[in-house]
PDB file of N, CA and C in Angstrom:
ATOM      1  N   UNK A   1      -5.091  -7.489   8.750  1.00  0.00           N
ATOM      2  CA  UNK A   1      -4.516  -6.165   8.637  1.00  0.00           C
ATOM      3  C   UNK A   1      -4.240  -5.584  10.030  1.00  0.00           C
ATOM      4  N   UNK A   2      -5.165  -5.814  10.955  1.00  0.00           N
ATOM      5  CA  UNK A   2      -4.953  -5.317  12.316  1.00  0.00           C
ATOM      6  C   UNK A   2      -3.728  -5.972  12.946  1.00  0.00           C
ATOM      7  N   UNK A   3      -3.551  -7.273  12.710  1.00  0.00           N
ATOM      8  CA  UNK A   3      -2.392  -7.973  13.249  1.00  0.00           C
ATOM      9  C   UNK A   3      -1.101  -7.398  12.681  1.00  0.00           C
ATOM     10  N   UNK A   4      -1.101  -7.107  11.387  1.00  0.00           N
ATOM     11  CA  UNK A   4       0.084  -6.519  10.759  1.00  0.00           C
ATOM     12  C   UNK A   4       0.377  -5.159  11.386  1.00  0.00           C
ATOM     13  N   UNK A   5      -0.638  -4.343  11.599  1.00  0.00           N
ATOM     14  CA  UNK A   5      -0.430  -3.020  12.204  1.00  0.00           C
ATOM     15  C   UNK A   5       0.109  -3.146  13.626  1.00  0.00           C
ATOM     16  N   UNK A   6      -0.377  -4.131  14.400  1.00  0.00           N
ATOM     17  CA  UNK A   6       0.150  -4.348  15.755  1.00  0.00           C
ATOM     18  C   UNK A   6       1.624  -4.763  15.689  1.00  0.00           C
ATOM     19  N   UNK A   7       1.943  -5.624  14.730  1.00  0.00           N
ATOM     20  CA  UNK A   7       3.335  -6.033  14.542  1.00  0.00           C
ATOM     21  C   UNK A   7       4.201  -4.816  14.204  1.00  0.00           C
ATOM     22  N   UNK A   8       3.720  -3.989  13.299  1.00  0.00           N
ATOM     23  CA  UNK A   8       4.481  -2.812  12.880  1.00  0.00           C
ATOM     24  C   UNK A   8       4.697  -1.852  14.042  1.00  0.00           C
ATOM     25  N   UNK A   9       3.697  -1.703  14.899  1.00  0.00           N
ATOM     26  CA  UNK A   9       3.848  -0.862  16.080  1.00  0.00           C
ATOM     27  C   UNK A   9       5.017  -1.356  16.926  1.00  0.00           C
ATOM     28  N   UNK A  10       5.155  -2.681  17.068  1.00  0.00           N
ATOM     29  CA  UNK A  10       6.245  -3.240  17.869  1.00  0.00           C
ATOM     30  C   UNK A  10       7.600  -2.979  17.224  1.00  0.00           C
ATOM     31  N   UNK A  11       7.646  -2.842  15.898  1.00  0.00           N
ATOM     32  CA  UNK A  11       8.918  -2.558  15.222  1.00  0.00           C
ATOM     33  C   UNK A  11       9.266  -1.075  15.281  1.00  0.00           C
ATOM     34  N   UNK A  12       8.308  -0.245  15.700  1.00  0.00           N
ATOM     35  CA  UNK A  12       8.537   1.192  15.775  1.00  0.00           C
ATOM     36  C   UNK A  12       7.912   1.963  14.627  1.00  0.00           C
ATOM     37  N   UNK A  13       7.265   1.285  13.698  1.00  0.00           N
ATOM     38  CA  UNK A  13       6.637   1.952  12.555  1.00  0.00           C
ATOM     39  C   UNK A  13       5.161   2.207  12.875  1.00  0.00           C
ATOM     40  N   UNK A  14       4.837   3.442  13.154  1.00  0.00           N
ATOM     41  CA  UNK A  14       3.449   3.821  13.437  1.00  0.00           C
ATOM     42  C   UNK A  14       2.681   3.833  12.120  1.00  0.00           C
ATOM     43  N   UNK A  15       1.514   3.201  12.111  1.00  0.00           N
ATOM     44  CA  UNK A  15       0.728   3.085  10.888  1.00  0.00           C
ATOM     45  C   UNK A  15      -0.674   3.609  11.123  1.00  0.00           C
ATOM     46  N   UNK A  16      -1.061   4.604  10.349  1.00  0.00           N
ATOM     47  CA  UNK A  16      -2.426   5.115  10.353  1.00  0.00           C
ATOM     48  C   UNK A  16      -3.145   4.467   9.182  1.00  0.00           C
ATOM     49  N   UNK A  17      -4.272   3.814   9.451  1.00  0.00           N
ATOM     50  CA  UNK A  17      -5.019   3.117   8.407  1.00  0.00           C
ATOM     51  C   UNK A  17      -6.363   3.801   8.210  1.00  0.00           C
ATOM     52  N   UNK A  18      -6.695   4.104   6.964  1.00  0.00           N
ATOM     53  CA  UNK A  18      -7.975   4.708   6.594  1.00  0.00           C
ATOM     54  C   UNK A  18      -8.613   3.807   5.538  1.00  0.00           C
ATOM     55  N   UNK A  19      -9.767   3.244   5.853  1.00  0.00           N
ATOM     56  CA  UNK A  19     -10.455   2.352   4.921  1.00  0.00           C
ATOM     57  C   UNK A  19     -11.773   2.985   4.531  1.00  0.00           C
ATOM     58  N   UNK A  20     -11.976   3.167   3.235  1.00  0.00           N
ATOM     59  CA  UNK A  20     -13.198   3.767   2.707  1.00  0.00           C
ATOM     60  C   UNK A  20     -13.785   2.847   1.640  1.00  0.00           C
ATOM     61  N   UNK A  21     -14.546   1.877   2.103  1.00  0.00           N
ATOM     62  CA  UNK A  21     -15.150   0.906   1.197  1.00  0.00           C
ATOM     63  C   UNK A  21     -16.665   0.924   1.365  1.00  0.00           C
ATOM     64  N   UNK A  22     -17.363   0.784   0.250  1.00  0.00           N
ATOM     65  CA  UNK A  22     -18.817   0.680   0.307  1.00  0.00           C
ATOM     66  C   UNK A  22     -19.239  -0.771   0.508  1.00  0.00           C
ATOM     67  N   UNK A  23     -18.440  -1.688   0.067  1.00  0.00           N
ATOM     68  CA  UNK A  23     -18.729  -3.117   0.207  1.00  0.00           C
ATOM     69  C   UNK A  23     -17.465  -3.824   0.640  1.00  0.00           C
ATOM     70  N   UNK A  24     -17.319  -5.058   0.235  1.00  0.00           N
ATOM     71  CA  UNK A  24     -16.133  -5.826   0.562  1.00  0.00           C
ATOM     72  C   UNK A  24     -15.199  -5.897  -0.631  1.00  0.00           C
ATOM     73  N   UNK A  25     -13.926  -6.025  -0.328  1.00  0.00           N
ATOM     74  CA  UNK A  25     -12.943  -6.243  -1.388  1.00  0.00           C
ATOM     75  C   UNK A  25     -13.044  -7.682  -1.870  1.00  0.00           C
ATOM     76  N   UNK A  26     -12.883  -7.927  -3.156  1.00  0.00           N
ATOM     77  CA  UNK A  26     -12.768  -9.307  -3.624  1.00  0.00           C
ATOM     78  C   UNK A  26     -11.535  -9.943  -2.965  1.00  0.00           C
ATOM     79  N   UNK A  27     -11.577 -11.233  -2.728  1.00  0.00           N
ATOM     80  CA  UNK A  27     -10.503 -11.934  -2.033  1.00  0.00           C
ATOM     81  C   UNK A  27      -9.157 -11.713  -2.723  1.00  0.00           C
ATOM     82  N   UNK A  28      -9.126 -11.843  -4.038  1.00  0.00           N
ATOM     83  CA  UNK A  28      -7.866 -11.670  -4.779  1.00  0.00           C
ATOM     84  C   UNK A  28      -7.282 -10.267  -4.577  1.00  0.00           C
ATOM     85  N   UNK A  29      -8.137  -9.258  -4.596  1.00  0.00           N
ATOM     86  CA  UNK A  29      -7.686  -7.875  -4.391  1.00  0.00           C
ATOM     87  C   UNK A  29      -7.189  -7.694  -2.962  1.00  0.00           C
ATOM     88  N   UNK A  30      -7.943  -8.203  -1.988  1.00  0.00           N
ATOM     89  CA  UNK A  30      -7.553  -8.071  -0.585  1.00  0.00           C
ATOM     90  C   UNK A  30      -6.197  -8.728  -0.329  1.00  0.00           C
ATOM     91  N   UNK A  31      -5.979  -9.908  -0.893  1.00  0.00           N
ATOM     92  CA  UNK A  31      -4.703 -10.603  -0.710  1.00  0.00           C
ATOM     93  C   UNK A  31      -3.549  -9.838  -1.345  1.00  0.00           C
ATOM     94  N   UNK A  32      -3.770  -9.288  -2.545  1.00  0.00           N
ATOM     95  CA  UNK A  32      -2.738  -8.488  -3.198  1.00  0.00           C
ATOM     96  C   UNK A  32      -2.405  -7.233  -2.407  1.00  0.00           C
ATOM     97  N   UNK A  33      -3.431  -6.553  -1.899  1.00  0.00           N
ATOM     98  CA  UNK A  33      -3.215  -5.354  -1.090  1.00  0.00           C
ATOM     99  C   UNK A  33      -2.439  -5.708   0.184  1.00  0.00           C
ATOM    100  N   UNK A  34      -2.845  -6.797   0.851  1.00  0.00           N
ATOM    101  CA  UNK A  34      -2.168  -7.197   2.080  1.00  0.00           C
ATOM    102  C   UNK A  34      -0.703  -7.542   1.812  1.00  0.00           C
ATOM    103  N   UNK A  35      -0.446  -8.269   0.728  1.00  0.00           N
ATOM    104  CA  UNK A  35       0.929  -8.647   0.396  1.00  0.00           C
ATOM    105  C   UNK A  35       1.790  -7.401   0.174  1.00  0.00           C
ATOM    106  N   UNK A  36       1.260  -6.432  -0.577  1.00  0.00           N
ATOM    107  CA  UNK A  36       2.034  -5.215  -0.813  1.00  0.00           C
ATOM    108  C   UNK A  36       2.233  -4.445   0.489  1.00  0.00           C
ATOM    109  N   UNK A  37       1.193  -4.324   1.291  1.00  0.00           N
ATOM    110  CA  UNK A  37       1.321  -3.611   2.564  1.00  0.00           C
ATOM    111  C   UNK A  37       2.392  -4.263   3.437  1.00  0.00           C
ATOM    112  N   UNK A  38       2.385  -5.578   3.489  1.00  0.00           N
ATOM    113  CA  UNK A  38       3.368  -6.295   4.299  1.00  0.00           C
ATOM    114  C   UNK A  38       4.788  -6.079   3.773  1.00  0.00           C
ATOM    115  N   UNK A  39       4.988  -6.264   2.487  1.00  0.00           N
ATOM    116  CA  UNK A  39       6.335  -6.138   1.909  1.00  0.00           C
ATOM    117  C   UNK A  39       6.845  -4.701   1.981  1.00  0.00           C
ATOM    118  N   UNK A  40       5.993  -3.741   1.649  1.00  0.00           N
ATOM    119  CA  UNK A  40       6.419  -2.338   1.672  1.00  0.00           C
ATOM    120  C   UNK A  40       6.675  -1.877   3.108  1.00  0.00           C
ATOM    121  N   UNK A  41       5.863  -2.339   4.040  1.00  0.00           N
ATOM    122  CA  UNK A  41       6.060  -1.966   5.449  1.00  0.00           C
ATOM    123  C   UNK A  41       7.363  -2.544   5.992  1.00  0.00           C
ATOM    124  N   UNK A  42       7.677  -3.773   5.621  1.00  0.00           N
ATOM    125  CA  UNK A  42       8.947  -4.364   6.042  1.00  0.00           C
ATOM    126  C   UNK A  42      10.122  -3.559   5.484  1.00  0.00           C
ATOM    127  N   UNK A  43       9.992  -3.116   4.236  1.00  0.00           N
ATOM    128  CA  UNK A  43      11.050  -2.278   3.656  1.00  0.00           C
ATOM    129  C   UNK A  43      11.127  -0.937   4.393  1.00  0.00           C
ATOM    130  N   UNK A  44       9.975  -0.376   4.750  1.00  0.00           N
ATOM    131  CA  UNK A  44       9.961   0.894   5.492  1.00  0.00           C
ATOM    132  C   UNK A  44      10.674   0.736   6.836  1.00  0.00           C
ATOM    133  N   UNK A  45      10.474  -0.395   7.492  1.00  0.00           N
ATOM    134  CA  UNK A  45      11.166  -0.660   8.762  1.00  0.00           C
ATOM    135  C   UNK A  45      12.671  -0.721   8.511  1.00  0.00           C
ATOM    136  N   UNK A  46      13.090  -1.440   7.453  1.00  0.00           N
ATOM    137  CA  UNK A  46      14.526  -1.515   7.117  1.00  0.00           C
ATOM    138  C   UNK A  46      15.100  -0.133   6.818  1.00  0.00           C
ATOM    139  N   UNK A  47      14.273   0.727   6.234  1.00  0.00           N
ATOM    140  CA  UNK A  47      14.721   2.080   5.870  1.00  0.00           C
ATOM    141  C   UNK A  47      14.605   3.064   7.039  1.00  0.00           C
ATOM    142  N   UNK A  48      14.183   2.551   8.196  1.00  0.00           N
ATOM    143  CA  UNK A  48      14.079   3.322   9.427  1.00  0.00           C
ATOM    144  C   UNK A  48      13.023   4.433   9.372  1.00  0.00           C
ATOM    145  N   UNK A  49      11.951   4.164   8.623  1.00  0.00           N
ATOM    146  CA  UNK A  49      10.816   5.090   8.629  1.00  0.00           C
ATOM    147  C   UNK A  49      10.182   5.056  10.015  1.00  0.00           C
ATOM    148  N   UNK A  50       9.628   6.167  10.429  1.00  0.00           N
ATOM    149  CA  UNK A  50       8.976   6.256  11.736  1.00  0.00           C
ATOM    150  C   UNK A  50       7.471   6.045  11.640  1.00  0.00           C
ATOM    151  N   UNK A  51       6.891   6.410  10.486  1.00  0.00           N
ATOM    152  CA  UNK A  51       5.441   6.318  10.346  1.00  0.00           C
ATOM    153  C   UNK A  51       5.066   6.143   8.880  1.00  0.00           C
ATOM    154  N   UNK A  52       3.832   5.688   8.688  1.00  0.00           N
ATOM    155  CA  UNK A  52       3.291   5.556   7.338  1.00  0.00           C
ATOM    156  C   UNK A  52       1.775   5.713   7.419  1.00  0.00           C
ATOM    157  N   UNK A  53       1.205   6.103   6.310  1.00  0.00           N
ATOM    158  CA  UNK A  53      -0.247   6.199   6.196  1.00  0.00           C
ATOM    159  C   UNK A  53      -0.682   5.199   5.136  1.00  0.00           C
ATOM    160  N   UNK A  54      -1.697   4.425   5.457  1.00  0.00           N
ATOM    161  CA  UNK A  54      -2.241   3.420   4.552  1.00  0.00           C
ATOM    162  C   UNK A  54      -3.706   3.754   4.310  1.00  0.00           C
ATOM    163  N   UNK A  55      -4.084   3.875   3.053  1.00  0.00           N
ATOM    164  CA  UNK A  55      -5.473   4.177   2.707  1.00  0.00           C
ATOM    165  C   UNK A  55      -5.968   3.159   1.679  1.00  0.00           C
ATOM    166  N   UNK A  56      -7.102   2.542   1.987  1.00  0.00           N
ATOM    167  CA  UNK A  56      -7.751   1.635   1.049  1.00  0.00           C
ATOM    168  C   UNK A  56      -9.094   2.259   0.711  1.00  0.00           C
ATOM    169  N   UNK A  57      -9.314   2.491  -0.573  1.00  0.00           N
ATOM    170  CA  UNK A  57     -10.588   3.112  -0.944  1.00  0.00           C
ATOM    171  C   UNK A  57     -11.157   2.499  -2.204  1.00  0.00           C
ATOM    172  N   UNK A  58     -12.460   2.612  -2.280  1.00  0.00           N
ATOM    173  CA  UNK A  58     -13.187   2.151  -3.461  1.00  0.00           C
ATOM    174  C   UNK A  58     -13.289   3.338  -4.406  1.00  0.00           C
ATOM    175  N   UNK A  59     -12.957   3.088  -5.638  1.00  0.00           N
ATOM    176  CA  UNK A  59     -13.040   4.128  -6.664  1.00  0.00           C
ATOM    177  C   UNK A  59     -13.913   3.591  -7.784  1.00  0.00           C
ATOM    178  N   UNK A  60     -14.371   4.494  -8.601  1.00  0.00           N
ATOM    179  CA  UNK A  60     -15.177   4.047  -9.731  1.00  0.00           C
ATOM    180  C   UNK A  60     -14.331   3.097 -10.572  1.00  0.00           C
ATOM    181  N   UNK A  61     -14.837   1.894 -10.783  1.00  0.00           N
ATOM    182  CA  UNK A  61     -14.119   0.920 -11.594  1.00  0.00           C
ATOM    183  C   UNK A  61     -13.181   0.019 -10.822  1.00  0.00           C
ATOM    184  N   UNK A  62     -13.037   0.227  -9.498  1.00  0.00           N
ATOM    185  CA  UNK A  62     -12.146  -0.646  -8.761  1.00  0.00           C
ATOM    186  C   UNK A  62     -11.790  -0.145  -7.377  1.00  0.00           C
ATOM    187  N   UNK A  63     -10.578  -0.526  -6.941  1.00  0.00           N
ATOM    188  CA  UNK A  63     -10.119  -0.211  -5.604  1.00  0.00           C
ATOM    189  C   UNK A  63      -8.676   0.260  -5.677  1.00  0.00           C
ATOM    190  N   UNK A  64      -8.244   0.943  -4.587  1.00  0.00           N
ATOM    191  CA  UNK A  64      -6.893   1.474  -4.564  1.00  0.00           C
ATOM    192  C   UNK A  64      -6.324   1.385  -3.150  1.00  0.00           C
ATOM    193  N   UNK A  65      -5.093   0.919  -3.077  1.00  0.00           N
ATOM    194  CA  UNK A  65      -4.322   0.944  -1.847  1.00  0.00           C
ATOM    195  C   UNK A  65      -3.230   1.979  -2.046  1.00  0.00           C
ATOM    196  N   UNK A  66      -3.125   2.925  -1.134  1.00  0.00           N
ATOM    197  CA  UNK A  66      -2.018   3.875  -1.216  1.00  0.00           C
ATOM    198  C   UNK A  66      -1.299   3.916   0.122  1.00  0.00           C
ATOM    199  N   UNK A  67       0.010   3.968   0.044  1.00  0.00           N
ATOM    200  CA  UNK A  67       0.877   4.027   1.217  1.00  0.00           C
ATOM    201  C   UNK A  67       1.716   5.289   1.096  1.00  0.00           C
ATOM    202  N   UNK A  68       1.861   6.008   2.183  1.00  0.00           N
ATOM    203  CA  UNK A  68       2.575   7.285   2.155  1.00  0.00           C
ATOM    204  C   UNK A  68       3.647   7.321   3.229  1.00  0.00           C
ATOM    205  N   UNK A  69       4.844   7.754   2.839  1.00  0.00           N
ATOM    206  CA  UNK A  69       5.965   7.943   3.751  1.00  0.00           C
ATOM    207  C   UNK A  69       6.583   9.310   3.499  1.00  0.00           C
ATOM    208  N   UNK A  70       7.517   9.686   4.366  1.00  0.00           N
ATOM    209  CA  UNK A  70       8.297  10.893   4.129  1.00  0.00           C
ATOM    210  C   UNK A  70       9.034  10.733   2.800  1.00  0.00           C
ATOM    211  N   UNK A  71       9.452  11.846   2.187  1.00  0.00           N
ATOM    212  CA  UNK A  71      10.123  11.730   0.879  1.00  0.00           C
ATOM    213  C   UNK A  71      11.513  11.087   0.982  1.00  0.00           C
ATOM    214  N   UNK A  72      11.622   9.870   0.485  1.00  0.00           N
ATOM    215  CA  UNK A  72      12.890   9.142   0.436  1.00  0.00           C
ATOM    216  C   UNK A  72      12.947   8.349  -0.870  1.00  0.00           C
ATOM    217  N   UNK A  73      14.147   8.192  -1.447  1.00  0.00           N
ATOM    218  CA  UNK A  73      14.281   7.499  -2.738  1.00  0.00           C
ATOM    219  C   UNK A  73      13.957   6.013  -2.704  1.00  0.00           C
ATOM    220  N   UNK A  74      13.935   5.381  -1.550  1.00  0.00           N
ATOM    221  CA  UNK A  74      13.684   3.944  -1.487  1.00  0.00           C
ATOM    222  C   UNK A  74      12.306   3.578  -2.029  1.00  0.00           C
ATOM    223  N   UNK A  75      11.338   4.497  -1.936  1.00  0.00           N
ATOM    224  CA  UNK A  75       9.980   4.192  -2.386  1.00  0.00           C
ATOM    225  C   UNK A  75       9.964   3.945  -3.893  1.00  0.00           C
ATOM    226  N   UNK A  76      10.615   4.812  -4.643  1.00  0.00           N
ATOM    227  CA  UNK A  76      10.698   4.632  -6.102  1.00  0.00           C
ATOM    228  C   UNK A  76      11.424   3.339  -6.435  1.00  0.00           C
ATOM    229  N   UNK A  77      12.532   3.093  -5.754  1.00  0.00           N
ATOM    230  CA  UNK A  77      13.307   1.872  -5.991  1.00  0.00           C
ATOM    231  C   UNK A  77      12.472   0.628  -5.694  1.00  0.00           C
ATOM    232  N   UNK A  78      11.689   0.663  -4.613  1.00  0.00           N
ATOM    233  CA  UNK A  78      10.817  -0.454  -4.270  1.00  0.00           C
ATOM    234  C   UNK A  78       9.788  -0.676  -5.379  1.00  0.00           C
ATOM    235  N   UNK A  79       9.179   0.394  -5.877  1.00  0.00           N
ATOM    236  CA  UNK A  79       8.172   0.283  -6.939  1.00  0.00           C
ATOM    237  C   UNK A  79       8.773  -0.327  -8.199  1.00  0.00           C
ATOM    238  N   UNK A  80       9.931   0.146  -8.605  1.00  0.00           N
ATOM    239  CA  UNK A  80      10.586  -0.363  -9.810  1.00  0.00           C
ATOM    240  C   UNK A  80      10.934  -1.844  -9.635  1.00  0.00           C
ATOM    241  N   UNK A  81      11.472  -2.190  -8.479  1.00  0.00           N
ATOM    242  CA  UNK A  81      11.883  -3.569  -8.193  1.00  0.00           C
ATOM    243  C   UNK A  81      10.695  -4.536  -8.168  1.00  0.00           C
ATOM    244  N   UNK A  82       9.516  -4.056  -7.801  1.00  0.00           N
ATOM    245  CA  UNK A  82       8.346  -4.921  -7.654  1.00  0.00           C
ATOM    246  C   UNK A  82       7.319  -4.773  -8.771  1.00  0.00           C
ATOM    247  N   UNK A  83       7.646  -4.025  -9.812  1.00  0.00           N
ATOM    248  CA  UNK A  83       6.709  -3.796 -10.920  1.00  0.00           C
ATOM    249  C   UNK A  83       6.258  -5.098 -11.565  1.00  0.00           C
ATOM    250  N   UNK A  84       7.171  -6.019 -11.794  1.00  0.00           N
ATOM    251  CA  UNK A  84       6.813  -7.281 -12.446  1.00  0.00           C
ATOM    252  C   UNK A  84       5.861  -8.101 -11.583  1.00  0.00           C
ATOM    253  N   UNK A  85       6.041  -8.068 -10.283  1.00  0.00           N
ATOM    254  CA  UNK A  85       5.202  -8.841  -9.369  1.00  0.00           C
ATOM    255  C   UNK A  85       3.777  -8.298  -9.308  1.00  0.00           C
ATOM    256  N   UNK A  86       3.624  -6.969  -9.267  1.00  0.00           N
ATOM    257  CA  UNK A  86       2.307  -6.364  -9.083  1.00  0.00           C
ATOM    258  C   UNK A  86       1.697  -5.812 -10.364  1.00  0.00           C
ATOM    259  N   UNK A  87       2.465  -5.769 -11.428  1.00  0.00           N
ATOM    260  CA  UNK A  87       1.929  -5.336 -12.711  1.00  0.00           C
ATOM    261  C   UNK A  87       1.775  -3.828 -12.843  1.00  0.00           C
ATOM    262  N   UNK A  88       1.047  -3.436 -13.876  1.00  0.00           N
ATOM    263  CA  UNK A  88       0.886  -2.019 -14.195  1.00  0.00           C
ATOM    264  C   UNK A  88       0.055  -1.261 -13.169  1.00  0.00           C
ATOM    265  N   UNK A  89      -0.637  -1.994 -12.281  1.00  0.00           N
ATOM    266  CA  UNK A  89      -1.427  -1.333 -11.249  1.00  0.00           C
ATOM    267  C   UNK A  89      -0.577  -0.692 -10.172  1.00  0.00           C
ATOM    268  N   UNK A  90       0.735  -1.006 -10.131  1.00  0.00           N
ATOM    269  CA  UNK A  90       1.634  -0.453  -9.123  1.00  0.00           C
ATOM    270  C   UNK A  90       2.332   0.781  -9.674  1.00  0.00           C
ATOM    271  N   UNK A  91       2.274   1.858  -8.911  1.00  0.00           N
ATOM    272  CA  UNK A  91       2.966   3.084  -9.311  1.00  0.00           C
ATOM    273  C   UNK A  91       3.452   3.806  -8.057  1.00  0.00           C
ATOM    274  N   UNK A  92       4.253   4.817  -8.260  1.00  0.00           N
ATOM    275  CA  UNK A  92       4.705   5.638  -7.142  1.00  0.00           C
ATOM    276  C   UNK A  92       4.563   7.097  -7.538  1.00  0.00           C
ATOM    277  N   UNK A  93       4.330   7.909  -6.556  1.00  0.00           N
ATOM    278  CA  UNK A  93       4.166   9.347  -6.782  1.00  0.00           C
ATOM    279  C   UNK A  93       5.109  10.102  -5.862  1.00  0.00           C
ATOM    280  N   UNK A  94       5.797  11.076  -6.442  1.00  0.00           N
ATOM    281  CA  UNK A  94       6.630  11.957  -5.642  1.00  0.00           C
ATOM    282  C   UNK A  94       5.794  13.199  -5.365  1.00  0.00           C
ATOM    283  N   UNK A  95       5.419  13.372  -4.113  1.00  0.00           N
ATOM    284  CA  UNK A  95       4.566  14.476  -3.704  1.00  0.00           C
ATOM    285  C   UNK A  95       5.384  15.517  -2.959  1.00  0.00           C
ATOM    286  N   UNK A  96       4.822  16.698  -2.777  1.00  0.00           N
ATOM    287  CA  UNK A  96       5.504  17.757  -2.043  1.00  0.00           C
ATOM    288  C   UNK A  96       5.863  17.328  -0.632  1.00  0.00           C
ATOM    289  N   UNK A  97       4.992  16.551  -0.029  1.00  0.00           N
ATOM    290  CA  UNK A  97       5.119  16.207   1.383  1.00  0.00           C
ATOM    291  C   UNK A  97       5.537  14.757   1.621  1.00  0.00           C
ATOM    292  N   UNK A  98       5.788  13.994   0.573  1.00  0.00           N
ATOM    293  CA  UNK A  98       6.195  12.606   0.770  1.00  0.00           C
ATOM    294  C   UNK A  98       6.185  11.799  -0.515  1.00  0.00           C
ATOM    295  N   UNK A  99       6.429  10.503  -0.367  1.00  0.00           N
ATOM    296  CA  UNK A  99       6.381   9.570  -1.487  1.00  0.00           C
ATOM    297  C   UNK A  99       5.251   8.591  -1.246  1.00  0.00           C
ATOM    298  N   UNK A 100       4.490   8.336  -2.290  1.00  0.00           N
ATOM    299  CA  UNK A 100       3.347   7.443  -2.187  1.00  0.00           C
ATOM    300  C   UNK A 100       3.520   6.264  -3.127  1.00  0.00           C
ATOM    301  N   UNK A 101       3.182   5.102  -2.614  1.00  0.00           N
ATOM    302  CA  UNK A 101       3.160   3.873  -3.398  1.00  0.00           C
ATOM    303  C   UNK A 101       1.690   3.529  -3.568  1.00  0.00           C
ATOM    304  N   UNK A 102       1.256   3.295  -4.811  1.00  0.00           N
ATOM    305  CA  UNK A 102      -0.167   3.080  -5.091  1.00  0.00           C
ATOM    306  C   UNK A 102      -0.334   1.777  -5.871  1.00  0.00           C
ATOM    307  N   UNK A 103      -1.305   0.963  -5.422  1.00  0.00           N
ATOM    308  CA  UNK A 103      -1.665  -0.253  -6.138  1.00  0.00           C
ATOM    309  C   UNK A 103      -3.146  -0.168  -6.447  1.00  0.00           C
ATOM    310  N   UNK A 104      -3.472  -0.230  -7.746  1.00  0.00           N
ATOM    311  CA  UNK A 104      -4.860  -0.174  -8.183  1.00  0.00           C
ATOM    312  C   UNK A 104      -5.309  -1.545  -8.684  1.00  0.00           C
ATOM    313  N   UNK A 105      -6.548  -1.863  -8.385  1.00  0.00           N
ATOM    314  CA  UNK A 105      -7.131  -3.117  -8.841  1.00  0.00           C
ATOM    315  C   UNK A 105      -8.455  -2.789  -9.515  1.00  0.00           C
ATOM    316  N   UNK A 106      -8.600  -3.246 -10.752  1.00  0.00           N
ATOM    317  CA  UNK A 106      -9.823  -2.964 -11.515  1.00  0.00           C
ATOM    318  C   UNK A 106     -10.908  -3.958 -11.172  1.00  0.00           C
ATOM    319  N   UNK A 107     -12.132  -3.476 -11.174  1.00  0.00           N
ATOM    320  CA  UNK A 107     -13.294  -4.325 -10.969  1.00  0.00           C
ATOM    321  C   UNK A 107     -13.459  -5.204 -12.206  1.00  0.00           C
ATOM    322  N   UNK A 108     -13.707  -6.479 -11.979  1.00  0.00           N
ATOM    323  CA  UNK A 108     -13.927  -7.399 -13.102  1.00  0.00           C
ATOM    324  C   UNK A 108     -15.412  -7.672 -13.216  1.00  0.00           C
ATOM    325  N   UNK A 109     -15.944  -7.512 -14.400  1.00  0.00           N
ATOM    326  CA  UNK A 109     -17.373  -7.792 -14.627  1.00  0.00           C
ATOM    327  C   UNK A 109     -17.575  -9.277 -14.890  1.00  0.00           C
ATOM    328  N   UNK A 110     -18.669  -9.779 -14.402  1.00  0.00           N
ATOM    329  CA  UNK A 110     -19.018 -11.173 -14.685  1.00  0.00           C
ATOM    330  C   UNK A 110     -18.390 -12.127 -13.705  1.00  0.00           C
ATOM    331  N   UNK A 111     -18.719 -13.406 -13.845  1.00  0.00           N
ATOM    332  CA  UNK A 111     -18.216 -14.428 -12.917  1.00  0.00           C
ATOM    333  C   UNK A 111     -16.732 -14.689 -13.067  1.00  0.00           C
TER     334      UNK A 111
END
């Protein structure tokens, strides 16, 4: 993740990362979050975004990755285009101050 953020800095996309985890992410969840962060960030660079906020947090029942940009229609289009790849855990929110892309991963009980 740090390498991706350094790469993004070189492209001109400033990225603020906030991680709030009590433990470690399961490997499958971490890989899915990283893939979405990489793909969405590349799209943000193409869309000439200047900055983004990335937050990874543990929630009751699972984990959540949220990405925030200024309000632009590309975020919704990206979410719709990638729904099949990421499933129902992917959503977008139109907020007063920006657009957020959210990927949720549920905790799985048992082995």
